C-alpha atoms as a PDB file:
ATOM      1  CA  MET A   1     136.658  11.031 115.132  1.00  0.00           C
ATOM      2  CA  ASN A   2     137.716  14.075 116.520  1.00  0.00           C
ATOM      3  CA  ARG A   3     136.341  17.132 116.519  1.00  0.00           C
ATOM      4  CA  LYS A   4     139.094  18.794 114.393  1.00  0.00           C
ATOM      5  CA  LYS A   5     138.599  15.143 111.738  1.00  0.00           C
ATOM      6  CA  ILE A   6     134.675  16.403 112.048  1.00  0.00           C
ATOM      7  CA  ALA A   7     135.212  20.198 110.701  1.00  0.00           C
ATOM      8  CA  LEU A   8     137.528  19.292 107.857  1.00  0.00           C
ATOM      9  CA  LEU A   9     134.895  16.725 106.669  1.00  0.00           C
ATOM     10  CA  THR A  10     132.632  19.104 106.968  1.00  0.00           C
ATOM     11  CA  SER A  11     134.489  21.809 104.753  1.00  0.00           C
ATOM     12  CA  LEU A  12     135.497  19.323 102.426  1.00  0.00           C
ATOM     13  CA  THR A  13     131.796  18.204 101.786  1.00  0.00           C
ATOM     14  CA  ILE A  14     130.606  21.579 101.781  1.00  0.00           C
ATOM     15  CA  PHE A  15     133.605  22.762  99.210  1.00  0.00           C
ATOM     16  CA  SER A  16     133.057  19.723  97.280  1.00  0.00           C
ATOM     17  CA  GLY A  17     129.480  20.336  97.027  1.00  0.00           C
ATOM     18  CA  THR A  18     129.804  23.678  95.369  1.00  0.00           C
ATOM     19  CA  ASN A  19     130.588  23.523  91.451  1.00  0.00           C
ATOM     20  CA  ILE A  20     133.002  26.295  90.652  1.00  0.00           C
ATOM     21  CA  PRO A  21     132.885  26.197  86.670  1.00  0.00           C
ATOM     22  CA  PHE A  22     135.858  28.269  85.935  1.00  0.00           C
ATOM     23  CA  ASN A  23     135.043  27.525  81.837  1.00  0.00           C
ATOM     24  CA  ASN A  24     132.036  29.749  82.576  1.00  0.00           C
ATOM     25  CA  LEU A  25     133.659  32.370  83.950  1.00  0.00           C
ATOM     26  CA  ILE A  26     135.988  32.454  80.879  1.00  0.00           C
ATOM     27  CA  ASN A  27     133.030  32.071  78.538  1.00  0.00           C
ATOM     28  CA  ASN A  28     131.079  34.529  80.024  1.00  0.00           C
ATOM     29  CA  HIS A  29     133.703  36.996  80.103  1.00  0.00           C
ATOM     30  CA  SER A  30     133.756  36.659  76.104  1.00  0.00           C
ATOM     31  CA  ASN A  31     130.337  37.045  76.102  1.00  0.00           C
ATOM     32  CA  ASN A  32     130.222  40.160  77.670  1.00  0.00           C
ATOM     33  CA  VAL A  33     132.899  41.877  75.487  1.00  0.00           C
ATOM     34  CA  ILE A  34     130.976  40.952  72.832  1.00  0.00           C
ATOM     35  CA  LYS A  35     128.148  42.413  73.883  1.00  0.00           C
ATOM     36  CA  ALA A  36     129.733  44.978  74.823  1.00  0.00           C
ATOM     37  CA  ALA A  37     131.243  45.915  71.293  1.00  0.00           C
ATOM     38  CA  GLN A  38     128.113  45.408  69.774  1.00  0.00           C
ATOM     39  CA  ARG A  39     126.131  48.383  71.998  1.00  0.00           C
ATOM     40  CA  LYS A  40     124.950  50.784  69.182  1.00  0.00           C
ATOM     41  CA  LYS A  41     127.585  53.592  68.944  1.00  0.00           C
ATOM     42  CA  VAL A  42     125.598  57.023  69.703  1.00  0.00           C
ATOM     43  CA  SER A  43     127.825  60.638  68.585  1.00  0.00           C
ATOM     44  CA  LYS A  44     128.737  63.187  71.406  1.00  0.00           C
ATOM     45  CA  THR A  45     126.479  65.605  68.287  1.00  0.00           C
ATOM     46  CA  GLU A  46     123.454  62.856  68.152  1.00  0.00           C
ATOM     47  CA  SER A  47     123.161  62.954  71.545  1.00  0.00           C
ATOM     48  CA  LYS A  48     123.307  66.831  72.761  1.00  0.00           C
ATOM     49  CA  TYR A  49     120.865  67.376  69.570  1.00  0.00           C
ATOM     50  CA  PRO A  50     118.079  65.079  69.838  1.00  0.00           C
ATOM     51  CA  ASP A  51     115.901  64.089  66.891  1.00  0.00           C
ATOM     52  CA  ILE A  52     112.733  66.396  67.069  1.00  0.00           C
ATOM     53  CA  MET A  53     110.735  64.586  65.307  1.00  0.00           C
ATOM     54  CA  LYS A  54     111.618  61.990  68.388  1.00  0.00           C
ATOM     55  CA  LYS A  55     111.076  64.569  71.479  1.00  0.00           C
ATOM     56  CA  LEU A  56     107.756  66.166  70.167  1.00  0.00           C
ATOM     57  CA  ASP A  57     105.185  66.222  67.981  1.00  0.00           C
ATOM     58  CA  ILE A  58     105.844  68.651  64.645  1.00  0.00           C
ATOM     59  CA  THR A  59     102.516  68.023  63.261  1.00  0.00           C
ATOM     60  CA  SER A  60     101.462  70.495  65.649  1.00  0.00           C
ATOM     61  CA  MET A  61     103.340  72.490  67.214  1.00  0.00           C
ATOM     62  CA  GLN A  62     100.334  74.981  68.474  1.00  0.00           C
ATOM     63  CA  GLN A  63     100.020  72.276  70.566  1.00  0.00           C
ATOM     64  CA  TYR A  64     102.498  73.607  72.983  1.00  0.00           C
ATOM     65  CA  ASP A  65     103.521  76.182  75.246  1.00  0.00           C
ATOM     66  CA  SER A  66     105.861  79.260  74.309  1.00  0.00           C
ATOM     67  CA  ASN A  67     108.046  77.962  77.665  1.00  0.00           C
ATOM     68  CA  ILE A  68     108.201  74.698  76.759  1.00  0.00           C
ATOM     69  CA  LEU A  69     109.745  75.563  73.287  1.00  0.00           C
ATOM     70  CA  PHE A  70     113.387  75.590  74.908  1.00  0.00           C
ATOM     71  CA  MET A  71     115.876  72.717  74.109  1.00  0.00           C
ATOM     72  CA  SER A  72     118.620  71.839  71.948  1.00  0.00           C
ATOM     73  CA  ILE A  73     117.019  69.585  68.850  1.00  0.00           C
ATOM     74  CA  ALA A  74     118.460  68.870  65.271  1.00  0.00           C
ATOM     75  CA  LEU A  75     116.080  69.682  62.410  1.00  0.00           C
ATOM     76  CA  LYS A  76     116.951  66.877  59.753  1.00  0.00           C
ATOM     77  CA  ASN A  77     116.892  66.828  56.175  1.00  0.00           C
ATOM     78  CA  PHE A  78     113.872  69.717  56.620  1.00  0.00           C
ATOM     79  CA  TYR A  79     112.965  71.831  53.784  1.00  0.00           C
ATOM     80  CA  VAL A  80     113.826  75.467  52.449  1.00  0.00           C
ATOM     81  CA  LYS A  81     110.369  77.327  52.231  1.00  0.00           C
ATOM     82  CA  ALA A  82     111.616  80.521  51.970  1.00  0.00           C
ATOM     83  CA  PHE A  83     114.406  83.068  52.256  1.00  0.00           C
ATOM     84  CA  HIS A  84     116.123  86.274  52.119  1.00  0.00           C
ATOM     85  CA  THR A  85     119.529  87.472  53.023  1.00  0.00           C
ATOM     86  CA  ASP A  86     119.554  91.358  53.674  1.00  0.00           C
ATOM     87  CA  ASP A  87     122.085  93.802  54.092  1.00  0.00           C
ATOM     88  CA  SER A  88     124.478  93.122  56.992  1.00  0.00           C
ATOM     89  CA  GLY A  89     125.068  88.922  55.138  1.00  0.00           C
ATOM     90  CA  LYS A  90     122.446  87.285  57.782  1.00  0.00           C
ATOM     91  CA  THR A  91     120.064  84.590  55.964  1.00  0.00           C
ATOM     92  CA  ASN A  92     116.295  84.496  57.540  1.00  0.00           C
ATOM     93  CA  ILE A  93     115.645  80.611  56.522  1.00  0.00           C
ATOM     94  CA  LEU A  94     111.963  79.664  56.744  1.00  0.00           C
ATOM     95  CA  LEU A  95     112.033  75.854  57.205  1.00  0.00           C
ATOM     96  CA  ALA A  96     108.860  73.211  57.006  1.00  0.00           C
ATOM     97  CA  PRO A  97     109.549  69.402  58.348  1.00  0.00           C
ATOM     98  CA  LEU A  98     107.911  68.113  54.770  1.00  0.00           C
ATOM     99  CA  ILE A  99     107.366  70.682  51.569  1.00  0.00           C
ATOM    100  CA  THR A 100     103.808  70.808  51.922  1.00  0.00           C
ATOM    101  CA  SER A 101     103.756  71.345  55.529  1.00  0.00           C
ATOM    102  CA  ASN A 102     102.526  74.704  57.397  1.00  0.00           C
ATOM    103  CA  GLN A 103     104.173  74.305  60.320  1.00  0.00           C
ATOM    104  CA  TYR A 104     106.978  76.505  60.148  1.00  0.00           C
ATOM    105  CA  PHE A 105     110.372  77.171  62.201  1.00  0.00           C
ATOM    106  CA  VAL A 106     112.534  80.597  61.163  1.00  0.00           C
ATOM    107  CA  THR A 107     115.943  81.214  62.269  1.00  0.00           C
ATOM    108  CA  SER A 108     118.800  84.057  60.979  1.00  0.00           C
ATOM    109  CA  VAL A 109     122.198  83.024  59.889  1.00  0.00           C
ATOM    110  CA  ASN A 110     125.269  83.649  58.658  1.00  0.00           C
ATOM    111  CA  LEU A 111     125.721  80.994  55.669  1.00  0.00           C
ATOM    112  CA  ASP A 112     129.016  80.128  54.236  1.00  0.00           C
ATOM    113  CA  HIS A 113     127.369  78.064  50.998  1.00  0.00           C
ATOM    114  CA  LYS A 114     124.246  79.562  48.565  1.00  0.00           C
ATOM    115  CA  ILE A 115     121.203  77.767  49.279  1.00  0.00           C
ATOM    116  CA  LYS A 116     117.576  77.116  47.124  1.00  0.00           C
ATOM    117  CA  LYS A 117     114.247  76.874  47.376  1.00  0.00           C
ATOM    118  CA  ASN A 118     112.635  73.121  48.789  1.00  0.00           C
ATOM    119  CA  GLN A 119     116.006  72.324  49.168  1.00  0.00           C
ATOM    120  CA  ARG A 120     116.753  70.038  52.213  1.00  0.00           C
ATOM    121  CA  ILE A 121     118.787  70.981  55.123  1.00  0.00           C
ATOM    122  CA  THR A 122     119.776  69.467  58.685  1.00  0.00           C
ATOM    123  CA  ILE A 123     120.039  72.452  61.327  1.00  0.00           C
ATOM    124  CA  GLN A 124     121.646  71.560  64.891  1.00  0.00           C
ATOM    125  CA  GLY A 125     120.470  74.285  67.444  1.00  0.00           C
ATOM    126  CA  PHE A 126     118.419  75.839  69.859  1.00  0.00           C
ATOM    127  CA  LEU A 127     114.476  75.887  69.592  1.00  0.00           C
ATOM    128  CA  ASN A 128     113.725  79.491  71.159  1.00  0.00           C
ATOM    129  CA  GLY A 129     110.162  79.384  71.495  1.00  0.00           C
ATOM    130  CA  LYS A 130     107.399  80.295  69.460  1.00  0.00           C
ATOM    131  CA  THR A 131     106.709  83.506  67.430  1.00  0.00           C
ATOM    132  CA  LYS A 132     105.041  85.384  64.165  1.00  0.00           C
ATOM    133  CA  ILE A 133     106.556  85.953  60.786  1.00  0.00           C
ATOM    134  CA  SER A 134     106.686  89.869  60.741  1.00  0.00           C
ATOM    135  CA  LYS A 135     107.048  91.694  57.020  1.00  0.00           C
ATOM    136  CA  LYS A 136     111.205  93.097  58.526  1.00  0.00           C
ATOM    137  CA  GLN A 137     112.299  89.105  57.372  1.00  0.00           C
ATOM    138  CA  ASN A 138     111.090  89.980  54.068  1.00  0.00           C
ATOM    139  CA  PHE A 139     109.878  86.219  53.185  1.00  0.00           C
ATOM    140  CA  ASP A 140     106.352  85.916  50.652  1.00  0.00           C
ATOM    141  CA  ASP A 141     103.145  88.073  51.384  1.00  0.00           C
ATOM    142  CA  LYS A 142     102.002  84.679  52.153  1.00  0.00           C
ATOM    143  CA  TYR A 143     103.544  83.849  55.437  1.00  0.00           C
ATOM    144  CA  ILE A 144     103.585  87.579  56.882  1.00  0.00           C
ATOM    145  CA  ASN A 145     101.859  86.634  60.487  1.00  0.00           C
ATOM    146  CA  LYS A 146     102.258  82.996  60.563  1.00  0.00           C
ATOM    147  CA  SER A 147     102.759  81.199  63.353  1.00  0.00           C
ATOM    148  CA  ALA A 148     106.314  79.454  63.571  1.00  0.00           C
ATOM    149  CA  VAL A 149     108.974  78.235  65.899  1.00  0.00           C
ATOM    150  CA  SER A 150     112.354  79.889  66.168  1.00  0.00           C
ATOM    151  CA  VAL A 151     115.294  78.404  66.151  1.00  0.00           C
ATOM    152  CA  LEU A 152     119.213  79.418  67.219  1.00  0.00           C
ATOM    153  CA  VAL A 153     121.954  77.236  64.741  1.00  0.00           C
ATOM    154  CA  ASP A 154     124.606  76.057  66.317  1.00  0.00           C
ATOM    155  CA  GLN A 155     125.435  74.194  63.253  1.00  0.00           C
ATOM    156  CA  ILE A 156     124.215  73.587  59.918  1.00  0.00           C
ATOM    157  CA  SER A 157     124.646  71.227  56.989  1.00  0.00           C
ATOM    158  CA  TYR A 158     123.693  71.278  53.661  1.00  0.00           C
END
């Protein structure tokens, strides 16, 4: 046998030894399409405003330094503990994650709906560090000088 025949037989042997499963390529492609369709859809607002419960331990916000408490978050279904609307139309709202909680979040916002005490609302916005509840916010005296976390509101839902 000459060299050309040997090279041809060797290449055919190698080529026939490799198994190219065309059926598997087609099946794998359809599996990938199905897997892509089954991925959980995350909305842009959800990723922009992650749930505070997943980011921080809200049972004890005092453990965090005020410098850390600057982030976009969502306060989902928090209770309105107290509120007061001033002469300019701004409403100061005191929120808590649970109705019995003494961990407070405070914000000031122009509302387009009326709210009630113990109503649950969701706020998407930005944590703005620690603060103390003052008399000028016009909440009940039992909340004066309590620690709270300030929240700047981007969106509110009732």
